Amino acid sequence: MTNTENNIDEVDITSQLLNLIFDMPVGLKKRLLRILENWENAGYRRHKRKPWVIPIAYATDDQTFKGVLKDISKGGVFIETKKSFTVGQTITMKFQLPKGHKLIQATGEIVRSNSRGIGVKFKRQSKKQIRGRA
């Protein structure tokens, strides 16, 4: 199967799914959303997540926040928050892992935002960028 055939299939499938969702009553949409959120959190991830409750300080370009990191993996974190963020937004984070003595400072991109919080994917940083932190 060629890339063009894959893209047509993907567009067709996405279109069919959207039509089904648009026609659903609100209650059914909510149930489907909960099912998909649970499915997403059921281990279908690139990196295994470790549940932790850790204080975290994080900031966007124009605001600073304090909150709770709920889980972490090699690829990112989930931060519990009621605040509204935009997918694609860059944030900087500071937190300390349990039994860790070193403060972790990381930059990430918000890849998911819902009523429970934000999923943040760590951005790779060069050694020069890391050394520039004091």
N, C-alpha and C. Protein backbone atom coordinates (compact mmCIF):
# COMPACT_ATOMS: atom_id res chain seq x y z
N MET A 1 0.84 -1.17 0.00
CA MET A 1 0.00 0.00 0.00
C MET A 1 0.90 1.25 0.00
N THR A 2 0.59 2.21 -0.86
CA THR A 2 1.41 3.42 -0.96
C THR A 2 1.02 4.43 0.10
N ASN A 3 1.88 5.47 0.26
CA ASN A 3 1.57 6.53 1.23
C ASN A 3 0.27 7.24 0.87
N THR A 4 0.02 7.43 -0.44
CA THR A 4 -1.21 8.09 -0.86
C THR A 4 -2.43 7.28 -0.44
N GLU A 5 -2.37 5.95 -0.63
CA GLU A 5 -3.48 5.10 -0.21
C GLU A 5 -3.66 5.14 1.30
N ASN A 6 -2.54 5.14 2.05
CA ASN A 6 -2.62 5.25 3.51
C ASN A 6 -3.27 6.56 3.92
N ASN A 7 -2.90 7.67 3.28
CA ASN A 7 -3.46 8.97 3.62
C ASN A 7 -4.95 9.03 3.31
N ILE A 8 -5.36 8.45 2.16
CA ILE A 8 -6.78 8.43 1.82
C ILE A 8 -7.54 7.62 2.86
N ASP A 9 -7.01 6.46 3.21
CA ASP A 9 -7.65 5.65 4.25
C ASP A 9 -7.74 6.42 5.56
N GLU A 10 -6.67 7.10 5.94
CA GLU A 10 -6.66 7.84 7.19
C GLU A 10 -7.68 8.97 7.16
N VAL A 11 -7.74 9.70 6.05
CA VAL A 11 -8.71 10.80 5.92
C VAL A 11 -10.13 10.25 5.97
N ASP A 12 -10.37 9.15 5.26
CA ASP A 12 -11.69 8.54 5.23
C ASP A 12 -12.10 8.05 6.62
N ILE A 13 -11.19 7.40 7.29
CA ILE A 13 -11.47 6.89 8.64
C ILE A 13 -11.75 8.04 9.60
N THR A 14 -10.92 9.07 9.55
CA THR A 14 -11.11 10.23 10.42
C THR A 14 -12.44 10.90 10.13
N SER A 15 -12.79 11.03 8.87
CA SER A 15 -14.06 11.63 8.48
C SER A 15 -15.24 10.81 9.02
N GLN A 16 -15.16 9.49 8.88
CA GLN A 16 -16.23 8.63 9.39
C GLN A 16 -16.37 8.75 10.91
N LEU A 17 -15.22 8.77 11.60
CA LEU A 17 -15.26 8.91 13.06
C LEU A 17 -15.89 10.25 13.47
N LEU A 18 -15.47 11.32 12.81
CA LEU A 18 -16.02 12.64 13.14
C LEU A 18 -17.52 12.69 12.90
N ASN A 19 -17.98 12.12 11.79
CA ASN A 19 -19.42 12.11 11.51
C ASN A 19 -20.18 11.34 12.60
N LEU A 20 -19.64 10.20 13.03
CA LEU A 20 -20.29 9.45 14.10
C LEU A 20 -20.35 10.26 15.38
N ILE A 21 -19.24 10.92 15.71
CA ILE A 21 -19.18 11.71 16.94
C ILE A 21 -20.13 12.90 16.87
N PHE A 22 -20.17 13.60 15.72
CA PHE A 22 -21.08 14.75 15.58
C PHE A 22 -22.53 14.36 15.79
N ASP A 23 -22.89 13.15 15.39
CA ASP A 23 -24.28 12.69 15.50
C ASP A 23 -24.63 12.13 16.88
N MET A 24 -23.66 11.97 17.77
CA MET A 24 -23.91 11.39 19.09
C MET A 24 -24.55 12.41 20.03
N PRO A 25 -25.41 11.94 20.93
CA PRO A 25 -25.89 12.83 21.99
C PRO A 25 -24.73 13.15 22.95
N VAL A 26 -24.84 14.25 23.67
CA VAL A 26 -23.76 14.73 24.54
C VAL A 26 -23.34 13.66 25.56
N GLY A 27 -24.30 12.98 26.16
CA GLY A 27 -23.98 11.96 27.16
C GLY A 27 -23.10 10.86 26.59
N LEU A 28 -23.39 10.44 25.37
CA LEU A 28 -22.59 9.41 24.73
C LEU A 28 -21.20 9.93 24.37
N LYS A 29 -21.13 11.20 23.97
CA LYS A 29 -19.82 11.81 23.68
C LYS A 29 -18.95 11.81 24.94
N LYS A 30 -19.56 12.13 26.08
CA LYS A 30 -18.81 12.14 27.34
C LYS A 30 -18.30 10.73 27.69
N ARG A 31 -19.17 9.72 27.49
CA ARG A 31 -18.75 8.34 27.75
C ARG A 31 -17.60 7.94 26.86
N LEU A 32 -17.70 8.29 25.58
CA LEU A 32 -16.64 7.97 24.63
C LEU A 32 -15.34 8.67 25.03
N LEU A 33 -15.43 9.90 25.45
CA LEU A 33 -14.24 10.63 25.88
C LEU A 33 -13.58 9.94 27.07
N ARG A 34 -14.37 9.52 28.06
CA ARG A 34 -13.80 8.81 29.21
C ARG A 34 -13.15 7.50 28.79
N ILE A 35 -13.79 6.78 27.88
CA ILE A 35 -13.22 5.52 27.39
C ILE A 35 -11.88 5.78 26.71
N LEU A 36 -11.83 6.80 25.86
CA LEU A 36 -10.59 7.10 25.13
C LEU A 36 -9.49 7.59 26.07
N GLU A 37 -9.85 8.39 27.08
CA GLU A 37 -8.85 8.84 28.05
C GLU A 37 -8.30 7.66 28.83
N ASN A 38 -9.16 6.74 29.25
CA ASN A 38 -8.70 5.55 29.97
C ASN A 38 -7.85 4.67 29.07
N TRP A 39 -8.25 4.52 27.84
CA TRP A 39 -7.48 3.72 26.87
C TRP A 39 -6.10 4.33 26.67
N GLU A 40 -6.06 5.66 26.55
CA GLU A 40 -4.79 6.35 26.35
C GLU A 40 -3.86 6.15 27.54
N ASN A 41 -4.43 6.07 28.73
CA ASN A 41 -3.63 5.91 29.93
C ASN A 41 -3.37 4.46 30.31
N ALA A 42 -3.82 3.53 29.49
CA ALA A 42 -3.73 2.11 29.83
C ALA A 42 -2.46 1.45 29.32
N GLY A 43 -1.44 2.21 29.06
CA GLY A 43 -0.18 1.60 28.67
C GLY A 43 0.14 1.70 27.19
N TYR A 44 -0.64 2.43 26.43
CA TYR A 44 -0.37 2.59 25.01
C TYR A 44 0.51 3.82 24.80
N ARG A 45 1.63 3.83 25.44
CA ARG A 45 2.53 4.97 25.38
C ARG A 45 3.91 4.51 24.95
N ARG A 46 4.65 5.45 24.46
CA ARG A 46 6.02 5.16 24.03
C ARG A 46 6.91 4.84 25.22
N HIS A 47 6.73 5.61 26.31
CA HIS A 47 7.54 5.41 27.52
C HIS A 47 6.60 5.09 28.68
N LYS A 48 7.01 4.14 29.50
CA LYS A 48 6.21 3.77 30.67
C LYS A 48 6.21 4.93 31.67
N ARG A 49 5.05 5.24 32.19
CA ARG A 49 4.91 6.32 33.16
C ARG A 49 4.98 5.79 34.58
N LYS A 50 5.58 6.59 35.44
CA LYS A 50 5.69 6.25 36.86
C LYS A 50 4.82 7.24 37.62
N PRO A 51 3.81 6.75 38.34
CA PRO A 51 2.95 7.67 39.10
C PRO A 51 3.69 8.23 40.31
N TRP A 52 3.70 9.53 40.42
CA TRP A 52 4.28 10.22 41.56
C TRP A 52 3.48 11.47 41.82
N VAL A 53 3.51 11.93 43.03
CA VAL A 53 2.92 13.22 43.37
C VAL A 53 4.06 14.08 43.87
N ILE A 54 4.48 15.02 43.02
CA ILE A 54 5.67 15.83 43.29
C ILE A 54 5.32 17.30 43.07
N PRO A 55 5.70 18.17 43.99
CA PRO A 55 5.52 19.60 43.74
C PRO A 55 6.35 20.03 42.52
N ILE A 56 5.79 20.91 41.71
CA ILE A 56 6.48 21.38 40.51
C ILE A 56 6.21 22.87 40.33
N ALA A 57 7.24 23.57 39.90
CA ALA A 57 7.10 24.97 39.48
C ALA A 57 7.26 24.97 37.97
N TYR A 58 6.38 25.66 37.28
CA TYR A 58 6.47 25.70 35.83
C TYR A 58 6.03 27.06 35.33
N ALA A 59 6.49 27.40 34.13
CA ALA A 59 6.23 28.74 33.62
C ALA A 59 6.05 28.71 32.11
N THR A 60 5.18 29.60 31.65
CA THR A 60 5.05 29.89 30.22
C THR A 60 5.84 31.17 29.99
N ASP A 61 5.73 31.73 28.82
CA ASP A 61 6.45 32.97 28.53
C ASP A 61 6.02 34.12 29.44
N ASP A 62 4.75 34.10 29.85
CA ASP A 62 4.24 35.27 30.58
C ASP A 62 3.74 35.00 32.00
N GLN A 63 3.74 33.74 32.45
CA GLN A 63 3.24 33.45 33.79
C GLN A 63 4.02 32.32 34.46
N THR A 64 4.03 32.34 35.79
CA THR A 64 4.66 31.27 36.57
C THR A 64 3.58 30.60 37.41
N PHE A 65 3.70 29.28 37.57
CA PHE A 65 2.70 28.51 38.30
C PHE A 65 3.38 27.54 39.25
N LYS A 66 2.65 27.12 40.27
CA LYS A 66 3.08 26.02 41.14
C LYS A 66 1.96 24.99 41.08
N GLY A 67 2.37 23.73 41.07
CA GLY A 67 1.35 22.69 40.97
C GLY A 67 1.88 21.35 41.40
N VAL A 68 1.23 20.30 40.88
CA VAL A 68 1.57 18.94 41.24
C VAL A 68 1.81 18.13 39.98
N LEU A 69 2.99 17.52 39.93
CA LEU A 69 3.32 16.58 38.86
C LEU A 69 2.72 15.24 39.29
N LYS A 70 1.90 14.63 38.43
CA LYS A 70 1.20 13.39 38.79
C LYS A 70 1.90 12.14 38.29
N ASP A 71 2.60 12.24 37.15
CA ASP A 71 3.37 11.10 36.69
C ASP A 71 4.47 11.59 35.75
N ILE A 72 5.45 10.71 35.56
CA ILE A 72 6.63 11.09 34.78
C ILE A 72 7.11 9.87 33.99
N SER A 73 7.72 10.13 32.84
CA SER A 73 8.37 9.09 32.04
C SER A 73 9.62 9.69 31.43
N LYS A 74 10.34 8.88 30.67
CA LYS A 74 11.51 9.41 29.97
C LYS A 74 11.12 10.49 28.98
N GLY A 75 9.88 10.43 28.50
CA GLY A 75 9.45 11.36 27.47
C GLY A 75 8.73 12.60 27.94
N GLY A 76 8.20 12.59 29.18
CA GLY A 76 7.46 13.76 29.62
C GLY A 76 6.80 13.58 30.97
N VAL A 77 5.89 14.51 31.27
CA VAL A 77 5.20 14.52 32.55
C VAL A 77 3.72 14.87 32.35
N PHE A 78 2.93 14.56 33.37
CA PHE A 78 1.56 15.05 33.43
C PHE A 78 1.46 15.93 34.65
N ILE A 79 1.00 17.16 34.44
CA ILE A 79 0.85 18.13 35.53
C ILE A 79 -0.63 18.36 35.76
N GLU A 80 -1.05 18.13 36.99
CA GLU A 80 -2.45 18.36 37.36
C GLU A 80 -2.67 19.87 37.47
N THR A 81 -3.67 20.37 36.76
CA THR A 81 -3.98 21.80 36.82
C THR A 81 -5.40 22.03 36.30
N LYS A 82 -6.03 23.06 36.81
CA LYS A 82 -7.35 23.47 36.32
C LYS A 82 -7.20 24.63 35.34
N LYS A 83 -5.98 25.16 35.22
CA LYS A 83 -5.72 26.28 34.32
C LYS A 83 -5.82 25.82 32.87
N SER A 84 -6.13 26.73 31.99
CA SER A 84 -6.26 26.43 30.57
C SER A 84 -4.94 26.73 29.85
N PHE A 85 -4.46 25.74 29.10
CA PHE A 85 -3.24 25.90 28.32
C PHE A 85 -3.51 25.49 26.88
N THR A 86 -2.64 25.91 26.00
CA THR A 86 -2.78 25.60 24.58
C THR A 86 -1.79 24.53 24.18
N VAL A 87 -2.28 23.54 23.44
CA VAL A 87 -1.38 22.52 22.90
C VAL A 87 -0.37 23.23 22.00
N GLY A 88 0.89 22.86 22.15
CA GLY A 88 1.97 23.50 21.39
C GLY A 88 2.73 24.54 22.19
N GLN A 89 2.16 24.97 23.30
CA GLN A 89 2.80 25.96 24.16
C GLN A 89 4.07 25.36 24.78
N THR A 90 5.11 26.16 24.90
CA THR A 90 6.35 25.74 25.55
C THR A 90 6.30 26.15 27.01
N ILE A 91 6.74 25.24 27.90
CA ILE A 91 6.83 25.58 29.31
C ILE A 91 8.19 25.14 29.84
N THR A 92 8.65 25.82 30.87
CA THR A 92 9.85 25.40 31.60
C THR A 92 9.38 24.86 32.95
N MET A 93 10.11 23.87 33.44
CA MET A 93 9.69 23.20 34.68
C MET A 93 10.88 23.03 35.61
N LYS A 94 10.59 23.04 36.92
CA LYS A 94 11.59 22.74 37.94
C LYS A 94 10.92 21.84 38.96
N PHE A 95 11.57 20.70 39.24
CA PHE A 95 11.04 19.77 40.24
C PHE A 95 12.17 18.87 40.72
N GLN A 96 11.91 18.21 41.84
CA GLN A 96 12.89 17.31 42.42
C GLN A 96 12.23 15.96 42.63
N LEU A 97 12.84 14.90 42.08
CA LEU A 97 12.29 13.56 42.23
C LEU A 97 12.45 13.09 43.67
N PRO A 98 11.55 12.20 44.13
CA PRO A 98 11.70 11.67 45.49
C PRO A 98 13.09 11.06 45.68
N LYS A 99 13.66 11.28 46.82
CA LYS A 99 15.00 10.80 47.17
C LYS A 99 16.09 11.38 46.28
N GLY A 100 15.71 12.33 45.43
CA GLY A 100 16.71 12.97 44.57
C GLY A 100 17.23 14.22 45.24
N HIS A 101 18.48 14.47 45.03
CA HIS A 101 19.08 15.66 45.64
C HIS A 101 19.27 16.77 44.63
N LYS A 102 19.13 16.43 43.35
CA LYS A 102 19.38 17.40 42.29
C LYS A 102 18.05 17.97 41.80
N LEU A 103 17.99 19.28 41.67
CA LEU A 103 16.84 19.95 41.11
C LEU A 103 16.84 19.72 39.60
N ILE A 104 15.74 19.24 39.07
CA ILE A 104 15.63 19.01 37.64
C ILE A 104 14.98 20.22 37.00
N GLN A 105 15.63 20.73 35.97
CA GLN A 105 15.09 21.83 35.19
C GLN A 105 14.93 21.33 33.77
N ALA A 106 13.74 21.48 33.22
CA ALA A 106 13.48 20.95 31.89
C ALA A 106 12.56 21.89 31.12
N THR A 107 12.64 21.79 29.82
CA THR A 107 11.75 22.51 28.93
C THR A 107 10.89 21.49 28.21
N GLY A 108 9.64 21.82 28.00
CA GLY A 108 8.75 20.89 27.32
C GLY A 108 7.71 21.60 26.50
N GLU A 109 7.00 20.79 25.73
CA GLU A 109 5.90 21.29 24.90
C GLU A 109 4.62 20.61 25.36
N ILE A 110 3.57 21.40 25.53
CA ILE A 110 2.28 20.85 25.92
C ILE A 110 1.72 20.09 24.71
N VAL A 111 1.48 18.79 24.91
CA VAL A 111 0.97 17.96 23.83
C VAL A 111 -0.47 17.53 24.07
N ARG A 112 -0.97 17.76 25.28
CA ARG A 112 -2.35 17.39 25.61
C ARG A 112 -2.81 18.31 26.73
N SER A 113 -4.05 18.76 26.63
CA SER A 113 -4.63 19.60 27.68
C SER A 113 -6.09 19.19 27.85
N ASN A 114 -6.47 18.87 29.08
CA ASN A 114 -7.86 18.53 29.35
C ASN A 114 -8.25 19.07 30.71
N SER A 115 -9.43 18.72 31.17
CA SER A 115 -9.93 19.28 32.43
C SER A 115 -9.14 18.83 33.64
N ARG A 116 -8.34 17.77 33.50
CA ARG A 116 -7.54 17.27 34.63
C ARG A 116 -6.14 17.85 34.67
N GLY A 117 -5.64 18.32 33.52
CA GLY A 117 -4.29 18.86 33.51
C GLY A 117 -3.68 18.87 32.13
N ILE A 118 -2.32 18.89 32.11
CA ILE A 118 -1.60 18.97 30.83
C ILE A 118 -0.55 17.87 30.72
N GLY A 119 -0.45 17.33 29.54
CA GLY A 119 0.62 16.39 29.21
C GLY A 119 1.72 17.16 28.53
N VAL A 120 2.94 17.02 29.04
CA VAL A 120 4.07 17.78 28.53
C VAL A 120 5.15 16.82 28.03
N LYS A 121 5.58 17.02 26.80
CA LYS A 121 6.66 16.22 26.22
C LYS A 121 7.96 17.00 26.39
N PHE A 122 8.96 16.33 26.97
CA PHE A 122 10.25 16.99 27.15
C PHE A 122 10.85 17.35 25.80
N LYS A 123 11.48 18.52 25.74
CA LYS A 123 12.22 18.91 24.54
C LYS A 123 13.68 18.55 24.76
N ARG A 124 14.31 18.08 23.71
CA ARG A 124 15.74 17.78 23.79
C ARG A 124 16.50 19.10 23.85
N GLN A 125 17.54 19.12 24.68
CA GLN A 125 18.35 20.32 24.79
C GLN A 125 19.80 19.96 24.56
N SER A 126 20.50 20.90 23.94
CA SER A 126 21.92 20.67 23.70
C SER A 126 22.69 20.84 25.02
N LYS A 127 23.89 20.30 25.07
CA LYS A 127 24.73 20.45 26.26
C LYS A 127 25.00 21.92 26.53
N LYS A 128 25.12 22.72 25.47
CA LYS A 128 25.37 24.15 25.63
C LYS A 128 24.19 24.82 26.34
N GLN A 129 22.95 24.46 25.95
CA GLN A 129 21.78 25.01 26.61
C GLN A 129 21.73 24.61 28.08
N ILE A 130 22.06 23.37 28.37
CA ILE A 130 22.03 22.87 29.75
C ILE A 130 23.10 23.58 30.59
N ARG A 131 24.31 23.74 30.02
CA ARG A 131 25.40 24.41 30.76
C ARG A 131 25.07 25.87 31.02
N GLY A 132 24.25 26.48 30.15
CA GLY A 132 23.92 27.89 30.29
C GLY A 132 23.06 28.19 31.50
N ARG A 133 22.47 27.17 32.10
CA ARG A 133 21.66 27.37 33.31
C ARG A 133 22.58 27.51 34.51
N ALA A 134 22.29 28.46 35.33
CA ALA A 134 23.12 28.63 36.53
C ALA A 134 22.29 28.46 37.77
